[in-house]
């Protein structure tokens, strides 16, 4: 019970931060947060129409889009892979429909520090990546992803609040 309470408190802290963060801070969070066990914050970002297109594209690649080209459908994958696959399809749909905002943030999937289109070059492609998801977002704002005032994508004071929950 205590662990569930801590997880809820952690999500509350992160959610409050995300609600007041800038698009550049969302981009940094998406790039530097740990994607394991981070479903709620990622879903909050994916569902946010004010999210920059570049950040949506970054999340798409950081979720491992290149891995999922080997699957024609969800039936061919492990159960733990299905949620990510659904998120990838949702990102593809929303991205192509213009759901996400343009705050002029730059991102190029071919120069990504996280997932990249060439990560799994040896896989047999059964479900190709849509061409649109391969094109760089030529924004004018380059977000520093190595800001030492952040830990796991969060400002230090927020990260310390979360750390305090578990110590």
Protein backbone atom coordinates (compact mmCIF):
# COMPACT_ATOMS: atom_id res chain seq x y z
CA UNK A 1 0.00 0.00 0.00
CA UNK A 2 2.83 2.40 0.86
CA UNK A 3 4.47 1.79 -2.54
CA UNK A 4 1.22 2.67 -4.34
CA UNK A 5 0.92 5.82 -2.25
CA UNK A 6 4.54 6.78 -3.07
CA UNK A 7 3.96 6.17 -6.76
CA UNK A 8 0.85 8.35 -6.67
CA UNK A 9 2.74 11.07 -4.82
CA UNK A 10 5.55 10.85 -7.36
CA UNK A 11 3.11 11.18 -10.24
CA UNK A 12 1.45 14.15 -8.51
CA UNK A 13 4.83 15.90 -8.21
CA UNK A 14 5.75 15.19 -11.83
CA UNK A 15 2.29 16.15 -13.10
CA UNK A 16 2.37 19.48 -11.27
CA UNK A 17 5.77 20.15 -12.78
CA UNK A 18 4.66 19.21 -16.30
CA UNK A 19 1.54 21.36 -16.03
CA UNK A 20 3.64 24.49 -15.52
CA UNK A 21 6.68 23.52 -17.62
CA UNK A 22 7.57 25.11 -20.94
CA UNK A 23 7.66 23.21 -24.25
CA UNK A 24 11.47 23.18 -24.02
CA UNK A 25 11.26 21.65 -20.53
CA UNK A 26 8.85 19.01 -21.83
CA UNK A 27 11.38 18.24 -24.56
CA UNK A 28 14.17 17.86 -22.01
CA UNK A 29 11.95 15.68 -19.81
CA UNK A 30 11.04 13.46 -22.76
CA UNK A 31 14.69 13.09 -23.72
CA UNK A 32 16.13 12.43 -20.28
CA UNK A 33 13.47 10.68 -18.24
CA UNK A 34 13.60 6.95 -17.75
CA UNK A 35 10.95 5.35 -19.94
CA UNK A 36 10.67 2.29 -17.67
CA UNK A 37 7.78 2.83 -15.29
CA UNK A 38 7.17 6.32 -16.65
CA UNK A 39 3.89 5.63 -18.40
CA UNK A 40 1.76 8.37 -16.83
CA UNK A 41 4.08 11.29 -17.61
CA UNK A 42 4.73 10.04 -21.14
CA UNK A 43 1.03 9.57 -21.73
CA UNK A 44 0.39 13.07 -20.37
CA UNK A 45 2.84 14.44 -22.93
CA UNK A 46 1.49 12.32 -25.80
CA UNK A 47 -2.06 13.48 -25.04
CA UNK A 48 -1.08 17.16 -24.83
CA UNK A 49 -1.87 19.05 -28.07
CA UNK A 50 0.44 21.86 -26.91
CA UNK A 51 3.41 19.48 -27.05
CA UNK A 52 5.88 20.52 -29.72
CA UNK A 53 6.01 18.39 -32.86
CA UNK A 54 9.73 17.87 -32.26
CA UNK A 55 9.06 16.45 -28.80
CA UNK A 56 6.37 14.13 -30.12
CA UNK A 57 8.84 12.89 -32.73
CA UNK A 58 11.54 12.48 -30.08
CA UNK A 59 9.20 10.40 -27.91
CA UNK A 60 8.32 8.29 -30.94
CA UNK A 61 11.95 7.38 -31.53
CA UNK A 62 12.86 7.07 -27.86
CA UNK A 63 10.02 4.56 -27.47
CA UNK A 64 11.94 2.38 -29.91
CA UNK A 65 9.95 2.81 -33.11
CA UNK A 66 12.72 1.10 -35.07
CA UNK A 67 12.20 -2.12 -33.12
CA UNK A 68 8.53 -2.34 -34.03
CA UNK A 69 9.02 -2.42 -37.82
CA UNK A 70 9.36 -6.20 -37.53
CA UNK A 71 5.73 -6.62 -36.47
CA UNK A 72 2.77 -6.53 -38.82
CA UNK A 73 0.35 -6.51 -35.93
CA UNK A 74 0.09 -6.77 -32.18
CA UNK A 75 -0.61 -10.50 -32.39
CA UNK A 76 3.02 -11.16 -33.33
CA UNK A 77 4.55 -9.41 -30.33
CA UNK A 78 4.97 -10.07 -26.64
CA UNK A 79 2.24 -8.71 -24.38
CA UNK A 80 4.62 -6.19 -22.77
CA UNK A 81 5.36 -4.69 -26.21
CA UNK A 82 1.75 -3.98 -27.11
CA UNK A 83 1.25 -0.81 -25.09
CA UNK A 84 4.31 0.79 -26.65
CA UNK A 85 3.14 -0.30 -30.10
CA UNK A 86 -0.22 1.36 -29.46
CA UNK A 87 1.52 4.54 -28.32
CA UNK A 88 3.64 4.54 -31.48
CA UNK A 89 0.56 4.18 -33.69
CA UNK A 90 -1.17 6.98 -31.78
CA UNK A 91 1.86 9.24 -32.21
CA UNK A 92 1.97 8.45 -35.94
CA UNK A 93 -1.71 9.28 -36.31
CA UNK A 94 -1.62 12.49 -34.30
CA UNK A 95 1.65 13.65 -35.84
CA UNK A 96 0.33 13.17 -39.37
CA UNK A 97 -2.94 14.92 -38.51
CA UNK A 98 -1.14 18.00 -37.14
CA UNK A 99 -2.31 17.40 -33.57
CA UNK A 100 0.90 18.74 -32.03
CA UNK A 101 1.92 22.39 -31.76
CA UNK A 102 4.89 24.12 -33.32
CA UNK A 103 7.07 25.89 -30.77
CA UNK A 104 10.08 25.83 -33.12
CA UNK A 105 12.05 23.17 -31.26
CA UNK A 106 14.61 21.33 -33.37
CA UNK A 107 14.83 17.55 -33.55
CA UNK A 108 16.33 15.24 -36.14
CA UNK A 109 15.69 11.50 -35.71
CA UNK A 110 18.88 10.74 -37.63
CA UNK A 111 20.91 12.69 -35.07
CA UNK A 112 19.01 11.49 -32.02
CA UNK A 113 20.85 10.46 -28.87
CA UNK A 114 18.02 8.06 -28.09
CA UNK A 115 16.22 5.85 -30.57
CA UNK A 116 17.09 6.32 -34.22
CA UNK A 117 15.79 5.04 -37.55
CA UNK A 118 18.96 3.01 -38.07
CA UNK A 119 18.97 1.28 -34.66
CA UNK A 120 17.73 -2.06 -35.98
CA UNK A 121 18.96 -2.08 -39.55
CA UNK A 122 19.04 -5.89 -39.71
CA UNK A 123 15.36 -6.41 -38.90
CA UNK A 124 12.99 -7.50 -41.64
CA UNK A 125 10.57 -4.62 -42.12
CA UNK A 126 6.95 -5.75 -42.04
CA UNK A 127 5.45 -2.43 -40.94
CA UNK A 128 7.49 0.48 -42.31
CA UNK A 129 7.99 3.74 -40.46
CA UNK A 130 5.85 6.44 -42.10
CA UNK A 131 8.04 8.81 -44.13
CA UNK A 132 6.82 11.78 -42.09
CA UNK A 133 8.35 10.29 -38.94
CA UNK A 134 11.79 10.28 -40.58
CA UNK A 135 11.89 13.98 -41.40
CA UNK A 136 13.72 16.40 -39.11
CA UNK A 137 11.77 19.17 -37.43
CA UNK A 138 13.73 22.23 -38.48
CA UNK A 139 13.01 24.38 -35.47
CA UNK A 140 15.10 27.34 -34.44
CA UNK A 141 15.32 26.37 -30.75
CA UNK A 142 17.92 23.78 -29.86
CA UNK A 143 17.15 22.37 -26.40
CA UNK A 144 20.23 21.55 -24.30
CA UNK A 145 19.65 17.94 -23.28
CA UNK A 146 22.70 17.89 -21.01
CA UNK A 147 21.67 20.63 -18.60
CA UNK A 148 23.30 19.73 -15.28
CA UNK A 149 20.50 21.49 -13.39
CA UNK A 150 18.26 18.53 -14.26
CA UNK A 151 18.17 14.91 -13.17
CA UNK A 152 16.14 12.31 -15.06
CA UNK A 153 14.57 15.13 -17.06
CA UNK A 154 13.43 17.06 -14.00
CA UNK A 155 14.81 20.19 -12.35
CA UNK A 156 16.91 19.27 -9.32
CA UNK A 157 14.38 20.58 -6.79
CA UNK A 158 11.65 18.39 -8.31
CA UNK A 159 13.97 15.37 -8.52
CA UNK A 160 14.90 15.88 -4.85
CA UNK A 161 11.22 15.90 -3.85
CA UNK A 162 10.79 12.53 -5.55
CA UNK A 163 13.98 11.15 -4.03
CA UNK A 164 12.71 12.18 -0.58
CA UNK A 165 9.61 10.01 -1.05
CA UNK A 166 11.77 6.89 -1.14
CA UNK A 167 14.40 7.70 1.47
